[in-house]
Structure formats: structure tokens, C-alpha cells
PDB file of all heavy atoms in Angstrom:
ATOM      1  N   GLY A   1     -60.958   2.934 -42.374  1.00  0.00           N
ATOM      2  CA  GLY A   1     -59.611   2.472 -42.014  1.00  0.00           C
ATOM      3  C   GLY A   1     -59.498   2.569 -40.525  1.00  0.00           C
ATOM      4  O   GLY A   1     -60.380   2.966 -39.710  1.00  0.00           O
ATOM      5  N   GLN A   2     -58.360   2.133 -39.974  1.00  0.00           N
ATOM      6  CA  GLN A   2     -58.237   2.116 -38.600  1.00  0.00           C
ATOM      7  C   GLN A   2     -56.907   2.772 -38.257  1.00  0.00           C
ATOM      8  O   GLN A   2     -55.970   2.760 -38.906  1.00  0.00           O
ATOM      9  CB  GLN A   2     -58.051   0.620 -38.050  1.00  0.00           C
ATOM     10  CG  GLN A   2     -59.444  -0.016 -38.215  1.00  0.00           C
ATOM     11  CD  GLN A   2     -59.294  -1.444 -37.592  1.00  0.00           C
ATOM     12  OE1 GLN A   2     -58.395  -2.215 -37.938  1.00  0.00           O
ATOM     13  NE2 GLN A   2     -60.243  -1.800 -36.780  1.00  0.00           N
ATOM     14  N   VAL A   3     -56.923   3.470 -37.088  1.00  0.00           N
ATOM     15  CA  VAL A   3     -55.784   4.225 -36.588  1.00  0.00           C
ATOM     16  C   VAL A   3     -55.498   3.810 -35.036  1.00  0.00           C
ATOM     17  O   VAL A   3     -56.475   3.762 -34.287  1.00  0.00           O
ATOM     18  CB  VAL A   3     -56.061   5.685 -36.609  1.00  0.00           C
ATOM     19  CG1 VAL A   3     -54.799   6.461 -36.031  1.00  0.00           C
ATOM     20  CG2 VAL A   3     -56.233   6.135 -38.069  1.00  0.00           C
ATOM     21  N   THR A   4     -54.291   3.499 -34.827  1.00  0.00           N
ATOM     22  CA  THR A   4     -53.915   3.275 -33.434  1.00  0.00           C
ATOM     23  C   THR A   4     -53.238   4.582 -32.876  1.00  0.00           C
ATOM     24  O   THR A   4     -52.319   5.055 -33.389  1.00  0.00           O
ATOM     25  CB  THR A   4     -52.909   2.135 -33.246  1.00  0.00           C
ATOM     26  OG1 THR A   4     -53.394   0.858 -33.658  1.00  0.00           O
ATOM     27  CG2 THR A   4     -52.364   2.039 -31.897  1.00  0.00           C
ATOM     28  N   TRP A   5     -53.960   5.127 -31.879  1.00  0.00           N
ATOM     29  CA  TRP A   5     -53.511   6.369 -31.250  1.00  0.00           C
ATOM     30  C   TRP A   5     -52.625   6.093 -29.988  1.00  0.00           C
ATOM     31  O   TRP A   5     -53.100   5.808 -28.928  1.00  0.00           O
ATOM     32  CB  TRP A   5     -54.685   7.294 -30.927  1.00  0.00           C
ATOM     33  CG  TRP A   5     -55.556   7.584 -32.068  1.00  0.00           C
ATOM     34  CD1 TRP A   5     -56.618   6.870 -32.479  1.00  0.00           C
ATOM     35  CD2 TRP A   5     -55.412   8.751 -32.925  1.00  0.00           C
ATOM     36  NE1 TRP A   5     -57.289   7.526 -33.630  1.00  0.00           N
ATOM     37  CE2 TRP A   5     -56.492   8.562 -33.919  1.00  0.00           C
ATOM     38  CE3 TRP A   5     -54.468   9.839 -33.053  1.00  0.00           C
ATOM     39  CZ2 TRP A   5     -56.719   9.556 -34.851  1.00  0.00           C
ATOM     40  CZ3 TRP A   5     -54.670  10.653 -34.047  1.00  0.00           C
ATOM     41  CH2 TRP A   5     -55.854  10.650 -34.964  1.00  0.00           C
ATOM     42  N   LEU A   6     -51.343   6.203 -30.203  1.00  0.00           N
ATOM     43  CA  LEU A   6     -50.456   5.951 -29.073  1.00  0.00           C
ATOM     44  C   LEU A   6     -50.518   7.002 -27.949  1.00  0.00           C
ATOM     45  O   LEU A   6     -50.472   8.217 -28.213  1.00  0.00           O
ATOM     46  CB  LEU A   6     -49.061   5.914 -29.603  1.00  0.00           C
ATOM     47  CG  LEU A   6     -48.748   4.631 -30.577  1.00  0.00           C
ATOM     48  CD1 LEU A   6     -47.230   4.860 -31.109  1.00  0.00           C
ATOM     49  CD2 LEU A   6     -48.989   3.359 -30.043  1.00  0.00           C
ATOM     50  N   PRO A   7     -50.542   6.562 -26.723  1.00  0.00           N
ATOM     51  CA  PRO A   7     -50.437   7.527 -25.657  1.00  0.00           C
ATOM     52  C   PRO A   7     -48.980   8.027 -25.414  1.00  0.00           C
ATOM     53  O   PRO A   7     -48.146   7.439 -26.046  1.00  0.00           O
ATOM     54  CB  PRO A   7     -50.950   6.807 -24.440  1.00  0.00           C
ATOM     55  CG  PRO A   7     -50.593   5.343 -24.738  1.00  0.00           C
ATOM     56  CD  PRO A   7     -50.690   5.136 -26.236  1.00  0.00           C
ATOM     57  N   VAL A   8     -48.776   9.036 -24.671  1.00  0.00           N
ATOM     58  CA  VAL A   8     -47.471   9.496 -24.243  1.00  0.00           C
ATOM     59  C   VAL A   8     -47.368   9.313 -22.668  1.00  0.00           C
ATOM     60  O   VAL A   8     -48.387   9.358 -21.997  1.00  0.00           O
ATOM     61  CB  VAL A   8     -47.134  10.869 -24.689  1.00  0.00           C
ATOM     62  CG1 VAL A   8     -47.060  10.913 -26.233  1.00  0.00           C
ATOM     63  CG2 VAL A   8     -48.106  11.844 -24.257  1.00  0.00           C
ATOM     64  N   ASP A   9     -46.093   9.246 -22.140  1.00  0.00           N
ATOM     65  CA  ASP A   9     -45.882   9.319 -20.861  1.00  0.00           C
ATOM     66  C   ASP A   9     -45.947  10.619 -20.240  1.00  0.00           C
ATOM     67  O   ASP A   9     -46.262  11.662 -20.883  1.00  0.00           O
ATOM     68  CB  ASP A   9     -44.606   8.501 -20.415  1.00  0.00           C
ATOM     69  CG  ASP A   9     -43.265   9.340 -21.027  1.00  0.00           C
ATOM     70  OD1 ASP A   9     -43.421  10.447 -21.334  1.00  0.00           O
ATOM     71  OD2 ASP A   9     -42.249   8.581 -21.175  1.00  0.00           O
ATOM     72  N   GLY A  10     -45.656  10.747 -18.939  1.00  0.00           N
ATOM     73  CA  GLY A  10     -45.745  11.999 -18.171  1.00  0.00           C
ATOM     74  C   GLY A  10     -44.739  13.119 -18.721  1.00  0.00           C
ATOM     75  O   GLY A  10     -44.946  14.290 -18.411  1.00  0.00           O
ATOM     76  N   GLU A  11     -43.735  12.673 -19.456  1.00  0.00           N
ATOM     77  CA  GLU A  11     -42.759  13.595 -19.902  1.00  0.00           C
ATOM     78  C   GLU A  11     -43.052  13.883 -21.493  1.00  0.00           C
ATOM     79  O   GLU A  11     -42.222  14.496 -22.155  1.00  0.00           O
ATOM     80  CB  GLU A  11     -41.306  13.046 -19.696  1.00  0.00           C
ATOM     81  CG  GLU A  11     -40.919  13.004 -18.298  1.00  0.00           C
ATOM     82  CD  GLU A  11     -39.579  12.464 -18.003  1.00  0.00           C
ATOM     83  OE1 GLU A  11     -39.146  11.686 -18.827  1.00  0.00           O
ATOM     84  OE2 GLU A  11     -38.932  12.861 -17.140  1.00  0.00           O
ATOM     85  N   GLY A  12     -44.203  13.297 -22.001  1.00  0.00           N
ATOM     86  CA  GLY A  12     -44.547  13.696 -23.376  1.00  0.00           C
ATOM     87  C   GLY A  12     -44.005  12.826 -24.420  1.00  0.00           C
ATOM     88  O   GLY A  12     -44.048  13.132 -25.572  1.00  0.00           O
ATOM     89  N   ARG A  13     -43.433  11.591 -24.063  1.00  0.00           N
ATOM     90  CA  ARG A  13     -42.797  10.737 -25.025  1.00  0.00           C
ATOM     91  C   ARG A  13     -43.729   9.464 -25.242  1.00  0.00           C
ATOM     92  O   ARG A  13     -44.202   8.942 -24.360  1.00  0.00           O
ATOM     93  CB  ARG A  13     -41.385  10.319 -24.641  1.00  0.00           C
ATOM     94  CG  ARG A  13     -40.452  11.492 -24.384  1.00  0.00           C
ATOM     95  CD  ARG A  13     -39.000  11.109 -24.225  1.00  0.00           C
ATOM     96  NE  ARG A  13     -38.435  11.006 -25.536  1.00  0.00           N
ATOM     97  CZ  ARG A  13     -37.391  10.150 -25.844  1.00  0.00           C
ATOM     98  NH1 ARG A  13     -37.054   9.343 -25.017  1.00  0.00           N
ATOM     99  NH2 ARG A  13     -36.898  10.153 -27.057  1.00  0.00           N
ATOM    100  N   VAL A  14     -43.618   8.974 -26.463  1.00  0.00           N
ATOM    101  CA  VAL A  14     -44.213   7.721 -26.923  1.00  0.00           C
ATOM    102  C   VAL A  14     -43.352   6.567 -26.406  1.00  0.00           C
ATOM    103  O   VAL A  14     -42.060   6.764 -26.347  1.00  0.00           O
ATOM    104  CB  VAL A  14     -44.324   7.680 -28.407  1.00  0.00           C
ATOM    105  CG1 VAL A  14     -44.591   6.223 -28.867  1.00  0.00           C
ATOM    106  CG2 VAL A  14     -45.552   8.564 -28.884  1.00  0.00           C
ATOM    107  N   ARG A  15     -43.963   5.518 -25.923  1.00  0.00           N
ATOM    108  CA  ARG A  15     -43.255   4.363 -25.423  1.00  0.00           C
ATOM    109  C   ARG A  15     -42.899   3.528 -26.657  1.00  0.00           C
ATOM    110  O   ARG A  15     -43.922   3.033 -27.411  1.00  0.00           O
ATOM    111  CB  ARG A  15     -43.996   3.531 -24.444  1.00  0.00           C
ATOM    112  CG  ARG A  15     -44.217   4.440 -23.120  1.00  0.00           C
ATOM    113  CD  ARG A  15     -45.014   3.665 -22.175  1.00  0.00           C
ATOM    114  NE  ARG A  15     -45.341   4.345 -21.027  1.00  0.00           N
ATOM    115  CZ  ARG A  15     -46.502   5.193 -20.856  1.00  0.00           C
ATOM    116  NH1 ARG A  15     -47.195   5.347 -21.932  1.00  0.00           N
ATOM    117  NH2 ARG A  15     -46.606   5.912 -19.672  1.00  0.00           N
ATOM    118  N   VAL A  16     -41.642   3.172 -26.842  1.00  0.00           N
ATOM    119  CA  VAL A  16     -41.330   2.376 -28.053  1.00  0.00           C
ATOM    120  C   VAL A  16     -41.930   0.944 -28.079  1.00  0.00           C
ATOM    121  O   VAL A  16     -42.506   0.618 -29.153  1.00  0.00           O
ATOM    122  CB  VAL A  16     -39.756   2.174 -28.163  1.00  0.00           C
ATOM    123  CG1 VAL A  16     -39.328   1.234 -29.324  1.00  0.00           C
ATOM    124  CG2 VAL A  16     -38.991   3.535 -28.311  1.00  0.00           C
ATOM    125  N   SER A  17     -42.044   0.322 -26.959  1.00  0.00           N
ATOM    126  CA  SER A  17     -42.725  -0.915 -26.808  1.00  0.00           C
ATOM    127  C   SER A  17     -44.219  -0.906 -27.275  1.00  0.00           C
ATOM    128  O   SER A  17     -44.662  -1.773 -27.914  1.00  0.00           O
ATOM    129  CB  SER A  17     -42.681  -1.435 -25.424  1.00  0.00           C
ATOM    130  OG  SER A  17     -43.291  -0.563 -24.443  1.00  0.00           O
ATOM    131  N   GLU A  18     -44.876   0.254 -26.943  1.00  0.00           N
ATOM    132  CA  GLU A  18     -46.298   0.381 -27.354  1.00  0.00           C
ATOM    133  C   GLU A  18     -46.433   0.622 -28.792  1.00  0.00           C
ATOM    134  O   GLU A  18     -47.426   0.083 -29.517  1.00  0.00           O
ATOM    135  CB  GLU A  18     -46.994   1.460 -26.494  1.00  0.00           C
ATOM    136  CG  GLU A  18     -47.019   1.040 -24.988  1.00  0.00           C
ATOM    137  CD  GLU A  18     -47.811   2.152 -24.246  1.00  0.00           C
ATOM    138  OE1 GLU A  18     -48.126   3.192 -24.842  1.00  0.00           O
ATOM    139  OE2 GLU A  18     -48.093   1.871 -23.085  1.00  0.00           O
ATOM    140  N   ALA A  19     -45.506   1.359 -29.437  1.00  0.00           N
ATOM    141  CA  ALA A  19     -45.488   1.565 -30.888  1.00  0.00           C
ATOM    142  C   ALA A  19     -45.196   0.325 -31.598  1.00  0.00           C
ATOM    143  O   ALA A  19     -46.030   0.035 -32.604  1.00  0.00           O
ATOM    144  CB  ALA A  19     -44.432   2.550 -31.226  1.00  0.00           C
ATOM    145  N   VAL A  20     -44.316  -0.431 -31.211  1.00  0.00           N
ATOM    146  CA  VAL A  20     -43.978  -1.762 -31.834  1.00  0.00           C
ATOM    147  C   VAL A  20     -45.225  -2.735 -31.657  1.00  0.00           C
ATOM    148  O   VAL A  20     -45.546  -3.427 -32.595  1.00  0.00           O
ATOM    149  CB  VAL A  20     -42.714  -2.370 -31.157  1.00  0.00           C
ATOM    150  CG1 VAL A  20     -42.520  -3.803 -31.747  1.00  0.00           C
ATOM    151  CG2 VAL A  20     -41.532  -1.466 -31.491  1.00  0.00           C
ATOM    152  N   ALA A  21     -45.728  -2.760 -30.465  1.00  0.00           N
ATOM    153  CA  ALA A  21     -46.859  -3.696 -30.301  1.00  0.00           C
ATOM    154  C   ALA A  21     -48.133  -3.369 -31.058  1.00  0.00           C
ATOM    155  O   ALA A  21     -48.931  -4.189 -31.438  1.00  0.00           O
ATOM    156  CB  ALA A  21     -47.328  -3.584 -28.826  1.00  0.00           C
ATOM    157  N   ALA A  22     -48.249  -2.002 -31.625  1.00  0.00           N
ATOM    158  CA  ALA A  22     -49.393  -1.548 -32.418  1.00  0.00           C
ATOM    159  C   ALA A  22     -49.161  -2.074 -33.798  1.00  0.00           C
ATOM    160  O   ALA A  22     -50.233  -2.001 -34.618  1.00  0.00           O
ATOM    161  CB  ALA A  22     -49.503  -0.151 -32.292  1.00  0.00           C
ATOM    162  N   LEU A  23     -47.922  -2.523 -34.325  1.00  0.00           N
ATOM    163  CA  LEU A  23     -47.823  -2.827 -35.681  1.00  0.00           C
ATOM    164  C   LEU A  23     -48.534  -4.024 -36.086  1.00  0.00           C
ATOM    165  O   LEU A  23     -48.677  -4.984 -35.384  1.00  0.00           O
ATOM    166  CB  LEU A  23     -46.298  -2.990 -35.933  1.00  0.00           C
ATOM    167  CG  LEU A  23     -45.380  -1.786 -35.718  1.00  0.00           C
ATOM    168  CD1 LEU A  23     -43.925  -2.072 -35.832  1.00  0.00           C
ATOM    169  CD2 LEU A  23     -45.795  -0.588 -36.670  1.00  0.00           C
ATOM    170  N   ARG A  24     -49.131  -4.060 -37.320  1.00  0.00           N
ATOM    171  CA  ARG A  24     -49.892  -5.189 -37.826  1.00  0.00           C
ATOM    172  C   ARG A  24     -49.583  -5.537 -39.144  1.00  0.00           C
ATOM    173  O   ARG A  24     -48.785  -4.668 -39.855  1.00  0.00           O
ATOM    174  CB  ARG A  24     -51.429  -4.870 -37.642  1.00  0.00           C
ATOM    175  CG  ARG A  24     -51.930  -4.300 -36.327  1.00  0.00           C
ATOM    176  CD  ARG A  24     -53.358  -4.138 -36.200  1.00  0.00           C
ATOM    177  NE  ARG A  24     -54.095  -3.707 -37.336  1.00  0.00           N
ATOM    178  CZ  ARG A  24     -55.397  -3.083 -37.285  1.00  0.00           C
ATOM    179  NH1 ARG A  24     -55.820  -2.709 -36.161  1.00  0.00           N
ATOM    180  NH2 ARG A  24     -56.002  -2.912 -38.390  1.00  0.00           N
ATOM    181  N   SER A  25     -50.121  -6.532 -39.610  1.00  0.00           N
ATOM    182  CA  SER A  25     -49.835  -6.929 -41.046  1.00  0.00           C
ATOM    183  C   SER A  25     -50.418  -6.048 -42.082  1.00  0.00           C
ATOM    184  O   SER A  25     -49.968  -5.782 -43.215  1.00  0.00           O
ATOM    185  CB  SER A  25     -50.319  -8.432 -41.253  1.00  0.00           C
ATOM    186  OG  SER A  25     -51.787  -8.463 -41.143  1.00  0.00           O
ATOM    187  N   ASP A  26     -51.447  -5.283 -41.631  1.00  0.00           N
ATOM    188  CA  ASP A  26     -52.089  -4.207 -42.573  1.00  0.00           C
ATOM    189  C   ASP A  26     -51.737  -2.912 -42.248  1.00  0.00           C
ATOM    190  O   ASP A  26     -52.383  -1.936 -42.761  1.00  0.00           O
ATOM    191  CB  ASP A  26     -53.622  -4.484 -42.570  1.00  0.00           C
ATOM    192  CG  ASP A  26     -54.198  -4.102 -41.156  1.00  0.00           C
ATOM    193  OD1 ASP A  26     -53.460  -4.184 -40.201  1.00  0.00           O
ATOM    194  OD2 ASP A  26     -55.452  -3.843 -41.143  1.00  0.00           O
ATOM    195  N   THR A  27     -50.589  -2.705 -41.315  1.00  0.00           N
ATOM    196  CA  THR A  27     -50.269  -1.305 -41.105  1.00  0.00           C
ATOM    197  C   THR A  27     -49.382  -0.750 -42.334  1.00  0.00           C
ATOM    198  O   THR A  27     -48.423  -1.304 -42.789  1.00  0.00           O
ATOM    199  CB  THR A  27     -49.333  -1.286 -39.858  1.00  0.00           C
ATOM    200  OG1 THR A  27     -49.946  -1.870 -38.793  1.00  0.00           O
ATOM    201  CG2 THR A  27     -48.872   0.161 -39.578  1.00  0.00           C
ATOM    202  N   ALA A  28     -49.882   0.378 -42.933  1.00  0.00           N
ATOM    203  CA  ALA A  28     -49.288   0.971 -43.991  1.00  0.00           C
ATOM    204  C   ALA A  28     -48.267   1.994 -43.534  1.00  0.00           C
ATOM    205  O   ALA A  28     -47.090   2.167 -44.281  1.00  0.00           O
ATOM    206  CB  ALA A  28     -50.260   1.658 -44.850  1.00  0.00           C
ATOM    207  N   LEU A  29     -48.353   2.547 -42.346  1.00  0.00           N
ATOM    208  CA  LEU A  29     -47.519   3.744 -42.087  1.00  0.00           C
ATOM    209  C   LEU A  29     -47.588   3.950 -40.571  1.00  0.00           C
ATOM    210  O   LEU A  29     -48.561   3.878 -39.817  1.00  0.00           O
ATOM    211  CB  LEU A  29     -48.091   4.906 -42.699  1.00  0.00           C
ATOM    212  CG  LEU A  29     -47.363   6.296 -42.604  1.00  0.00           C
ATOM    213  CD1 LEU A  29     -45.901   6.256 -43.318  1.00  0.00           C
ATOM    214  CD2 LEU A  29     -48.147   7.543 -43.026  1.00  0.00           C
TER     215      LEU A  29
END
């Protein structure tokens, strides 16, 4: 399987835009 590992910014938060961009047709979760 495949996992997209989202980075965080300097304050420790995931960027919403990067999370959305990682979504695919075969994303389960």
C-alpha cells in the first residue's frame, strides 16, 4: 500500500492545502 506522510510547519501544524492535495481516488482514510 501507499502512505502520504504530511509535513508540519514550524509551529507543528499540518497545512490543510497539502492534506487536500494528497487525496486520491484510492485514498481509504
